Amino acid sequence: MISVVIADDQTMVRQSFRAVLDAQPDIRVIGEAAEGNTAVALCTELAPDVVLMDVRMPELDGLEATRRIVAGRPEVRVLILTTFDIDEYVFGGLRAGASGFLLKDSPLDDLVTAVRVVSAGNALFAPTITRRLIGEFTRTHASAHAGRSLVAELTARETEVLRLIARGLSNAEIAEALVIAEQTAKSHVSRVFAKLDVRDRAQAVMVAYEAGLVVPGNTP
């Protein structure tokens, strides 16, 4: 059973999301928060598998709440919800440790899928804005020097795997692209995570952009 906390300052949004998620046989909403401090407290107490985190909330915004949750409960996966295609807080949320983001106006079926994907330890990005948002804000705010230093320890094969991760490919798709077994691709991904000291694909994507391994507008 996937446990979920919903953090959003709009009651109707929380109720809508809760109704959809509670209707799933494998998902249960265990808490709701209308502002960031409450979200942090709930996660500290309940340790949910996934938090649906609104970006703009009173008292403590979603960015800082995400940072505090991940710092105190690194096993909790945070999925950032945003209303706008371009939102500077989304990139900050990913750097704070979120596992991905989704537009609030996405189909509700996408929300259910997102919760399952993120709870399984994978990163998830709204497909309509992934490259544009990450590319723009990495180019504006990230440290290329820091990124290059991190990837310097990777082998040529691991560097290519990181490029494919940043382009959104799954382990199976990486295996197909490199003509290797899926288990081999999975091993490469695990070694990349270990060398970069990142916990999931979301953080690996940030490093890839910071290092200049991929640039805005690249496609698989």
Protein backbone atom coordinates (compact mmCIF):
# COMPACT_ATOMS: atom_id res chain seq x y z
CA MET A 1 0.00 0.00 0.00
CA ILE A 2 1.42 3.39 -1.04
CA SER A 3 0.86 6.01 1.67
CA VAL A 4 0.40 9.62 0.56
CA VAL A 5 0.29 13.06 2.19
CA ILE A 6 -1.32 15.87 0.18
CA ALA A 7 0.00 19.41 0.81
CA ASP A 8 -2.03 22.14 -0.90
CA ASP A 9 -3.63 25.32 0.44
CA GLN A 10 -6.82 24.78 -1.59
CA THR A 11 -9.33 22.54 0.14
CA MET A 12 -11.07 21.56 -3.10
CA VAL A 13 -7.77 20.46 -4.65
CA ARG A 14 -6.92 18.30 -1.64
CA GLN A 15 -10.38 16.73 -1.62
CA SER A 16 -10.28 16.05 -5.35
CA PHE A 17 -6.87 14.42 -5.21
CA ARG A 18 -7.82 12.43 -2.13
CA ALA A 19 -10.97 11.05 -3.73
CA VAL A 20 -9.05 9.87 -6.78
CA LEU A 21 -6.16 8.35 -4.85
CA ASP A 22 -8.25 6.67 -2.15
CA ALA A 23 -10.26 4.98 -4.90
CA GLN A 24 -7.13 3.06 -5.93
CA PRO A 25 -6.60 -0.39 -4.38
CA ASP A 26 -2.89 0.23 -3.76
CA ILE A 27 -2.90 3.87 -2.56
CA ARG A 28 -4.06 5.41 0.71
CA VAL A 29 -4.02 9.10 1.69
CA ILE A 30 -2.90 9.28 5.33
CA GLY A 31 -2.76 13.05 5.82
CA GLU A 32 -3.50 16.50 4.43
CA ALA A 33 -1.77 19.84 4.97
CA ALA A 34 -2.83 23.35 3.98
CA GLU A 35 0.63 24.88 4.49
CA GLY A 36 4.27 23.84 4.53
CA ASN A 37 4.91 23.59 8.28
CA THR A 38 2.04 21.16 8.70
CA ALA A 39 3.31 19.11 5.76
CA VAL A 40 6.75 18.82 7.35
CA ALA A 41 5.26 17.81 10.70
CA LEU A 42 3.03 15.18 9.10
CA CYS A 43 5.93 13.66 7.19
CA THR A 44 8.07 13.58 10.31
CA GLU A 45 5.31 11.80 12.21
CA LEU A 46 3.82 9.53 9.53
CA ALA A 47 6.72 8.94 7.09
CA PRO A 48 4.53 8.60 3.97
CA ASP A 49 5.87 7.05 0.80
CA VAL A 50 4.90 10.07 -1.32
CA VAL A 51 4.06 13.73 -0.69
CA LEU A 52 2.09 15.73 -3.25
CA MET A 53 3.55 19.19 -2.69
CA ASP A 54 2.02 22.44 -3.92
CA VAL A 55 4.63 25.06 -4.77
CA ARG A 56 2.91 28.15 -3.40
CA MET A 57 1.54 27.83 0.13
CA PRO A 58 1.24 30.23 3.08
CA GLU A 59 3.70 30.39 6.00
CA LEU A 60 6.15 27.91 4.49
CA ASP A 61 6.28 27.39 0.73
CA GLY A 62 6.62 24.06 -1.02
CA LEU A 63 10.29 24.58 -1.83
CA GLU A 64 11.42 24.98 1.78
CA ALA A 65 8.99 22.31 2.96
CA THR A 66 10.49 19.88 0.44
CA ARG A 67 14.01 20.66 1.61
CA ARG A 68 13.08 20.04 5.24
CA ILE A 69 11.16 16.84 4.51
CA VAL A 70 13.95 15.31 2.45
CA ALA A 71 16.55 16.33 5.04
CA GLY A 72 14.61 14.71 7.87
CA ARG A 73 13.04 11.80 5.98
CA PRO A 74 15.20 11.04 2.91
CA GLU A 75 13.09 7.97 2.13
CA VAL A 76 10.01 10.16 1.48
CA ARG A 77 9.44 10.97 -2.20
CA VAL A 78 8.16 14.46 -2.98
CA LEU A 79 6.17 15.12 -6.14
CA ILE A 80 5.85 18.84 -6.80
CA LEU A 81 2.56 20.10 -8.22
CA THR A 82 2.51 23.36 -10.15
CA THR A 83 -0.12 25.34 -12.02
CA PHE A 84 2.15 26.95 -14.58
CA ASP A 85 4.31 25.61 -17.41
CA ILE A 86 7.26 27.68 -16.25
CA ASP A 87 7.69 28.10 -12.53
CA GLU A 88 11.08 28.96 -11.04
CA TYR A 89 10.16 27.22 -7.79
CA VAL A 90 9.88 23.85 -9.53
CA PHE A 91 13.56 23.72 -10.38
CA GLY A 92 14.39 24.79 -6.85
CA GLY A 93 12.17 22.02 -5.55
CA LEU A 94 14.02 19.41 -7.58
CA ARG A 95 17.34 20.68 -6.28
CA ALA A 96 15.89 20.50 -2.77
CA GLY A 97 15.35 16.77 -3.29
CA ALA A 98 11.96 16.37 -4.97
CA SER A 99 11.58 13.36 -7.23
CA GLY A 100 9.71 15.18 -9.97
CA PHE A 101 6.86 17.48 -10.84
CA LEU A 102 3.46 17.38 -12.47
CA LEU A 103 1.10 20.06 -13.74
CA LYS A 104 -2.03 20.43 -11.63
CA ASP A 105 -4.22 20.38 -14.71
CA SER A 106 -2.86 17.02 -15.85
CA PRO A 107 -5.46 14.25 -16.21
CA LEU A 108 -6.23 12.60 -12.88
CA ASP A 109 -5.07 9.27 -14.29
CA ASP A 110 -1.64 10.88 -14.70
CA LEU A 111 -1.68 11.81 -11.02
CA VAL A 112 -2.28 8.19 -10.03
CA THR A 113 0.49 7.01 -12.34
CA ALA A 114 2.83 9.67 -10.99
CA VAL A 115 2.33 8.54 -7.40
CA ARG A 116 3.13 4.94 -8.36
CA VAL A 117 6.17 5.91 -10.41
CA VAL A 118 7.64 8.15 -7.73
CA SER A 119 6.94 5.67 -4.92
CA ALA A 120 8.92 3.05 -6.87
CA GLY A 121 11.98 5.28 -6.66
CA ASN A 122 11.84 6.72 -10.18
CA ALA A 123 11.81 10.36 -11.21
CA LEU A 124 8.81 11.81 -13.00
CA PHE A 125 8.51 15.02 -14.98
CA ALA A 126 5.51 16.49 -16.76
CA PRO A 127 6.37 15.61 -20.38
CA THR A 128 5.18 18.92 -21.85
CA ILE A 129 7.66 21.01 -19.89
CA THR A 130 10.56 18.81 -18.80
CA ARG A 131 13.35 19.88 -21.12
CA ARG A 132 12.25 23.50 -21.39
CA LEU A 133 12.03 24.06 -17.65
CA ILE A 134 15.12 22.14 -16.60
CA GLY A 135 17.17 23.57 -19.43
CA GLU A 136 16.17 27.16 -18.72
CA PHE A 137 16.74 27.15 -15.00
CA THR A 138 19.85 25.01 -15.04
CA ARG A 139 21.38 27.38 -17.55
CA THR A 140 20.42 30.34 -15.40
CA HIS A 141 21.15 29.09 -11.89
CA ALA A 142 23.30 25.97 -11.86
CA SER A 143 27.05 25.69 -11.40
CA ALA A 144 28.62 24.06 -14.45
CA HIS A 145 31.94 23.68 -12.63
CA ALA A 146 30.36 21.64 -9.86
CA GLY A 147 28.60 19.43 -12.39
CA ARG A 148 31.78 18.77 -14.37
CA SER A 149 33.63 17.85 -11.19
CA LEU A 150 31.03 15.25 -10.33
CA VAL A 151 30.96 13.55 -13.73
CA ALA A 152 34.76 13.46 -14.01
CA GLU A 153 34.75 10.17 -12.08
CA LEU A 154 32.43 8.45 -14.55
CA THR A 155 33.66 6.06 -17.23
CA ALA A 156 32.79 6.74 -20.85
CA ARG A 157 29.98 4.18 -20.70
CA GLU A 158 28.62 5.63 -17.44
CA THR A 159 28.71 9.13 -18.93
CA GLU A 160 26.62 7.93 -21.87
CA VAL A 161 24.19 6.27 -19.46
CA LEU A 162 23.86 9.56 -17.58
CA ARG A 163 23.07 11.37 -20.84
CA LEU A 164 20.31 8.88 -21.56
CA ILE A 165 18.92 9.20 -18.03
CA ALA A 166 18.79 12.97 -18.49
CA ARG A 167 16.86 12.49 -21.71
CA GLY A 168 14.20 10.56 -19.83
CA LEU A 169 14.99 6.98 -20.85
CA SER A 170 14.07 4.06 -18.61
CA ASN A 171 16.49 1.20 -17.87
CA ALA A 172 14.88 -0.87 -20.63
CA GLU A 173 15.20 1.98 -23.12
CA ILE A 174 18.83 2.57 -22.13
CA ALA A 175 19.53 -1.11 -22.70
CA GLU A 176 17.95 -0.92 -26.15
CA ALA A 177 19.83 2.25 -27.07
CA LEU A 178 23.21 0.82 -26.02
CA VAL A 179 22.46 -2.74 -27.22
CA ILE A 180 23.09 -4.28 -23.80
CA ALA A 181 21.06 -6.40 -21.39
CA GLU A 182 18.56 -4.58 -19.21
CA GLN A 183 20.25 -5.91 -16.07
CA THR A 184 23.55 -4.49 -17.33
CA ALA A 185 21.88 -1.12 -17.89
CA LYS A 186 20.46 -1.26 -14.37
CA SER A 187 23.95 -1.93 -12.99
CA HIS A 188 25.36 1.03 -14.91
CA VAL A 189 22.59 3.27 -13.56
CA SER A 190 23.30 2.13 -9.99
CA ARG A 191 27.01 2.87 -10.37
CA VAL A 192 26.24 6.31 -11.81
CA PHE A 193 24.03 7.10 -8.82
CA ALA A 194 26.73 5.91 -6.41
CA LYS A 195 29.53 7.90 -8.04
CA LEU A 196 27.43 11.08 -8.26
CA ASP A 197 26.09 10.56 -4.73
CA VAL A 198 22.50 11.04 -5.90
CA ARG A 199 19.47 9.09 -4.75
CA ASP A 200 17.36 9.00 -7.91
CA ARG A 201 16.95 10.04 -11.54
CA ALA A 202 15.74 13.53 -10.66
CA GLN A 203 19.03 14.44 -9.01
CA ALA A 204 21.02 12.70 -11.75
CA VAL A 205 19.25 14.86 -14.34
CA MET A 206 20.32 17.99 -12.47
CA VAL A 207 23.96 16.89 -12.51
CA ALA A 208 23.82 16.06 -16.22
CA TYR A 209 22.51 19.52 -17.08
CA GLU A 210 24.95 21.24 -14.74
CA ALA A 211 27.84 19.39 -16.38
CA GLY A 212 26.65 20.27 -19.88
CA LEU A 213 26.21 16.64 -20.92
CA VAL A 214 22.82 17.56 -22.31
CA VAL A 215 21.49 20.91 -23.47
CA PRO A 216 17.98 22.34 -23.75
CA GLY A 217 16.08 20.99 -26.72
CA ASN A 218 17.94 17.66 -26.95
CA THR A 219 15.75 14.68 -27.80
CA PRO A 220 16.44 10.97 -27.35
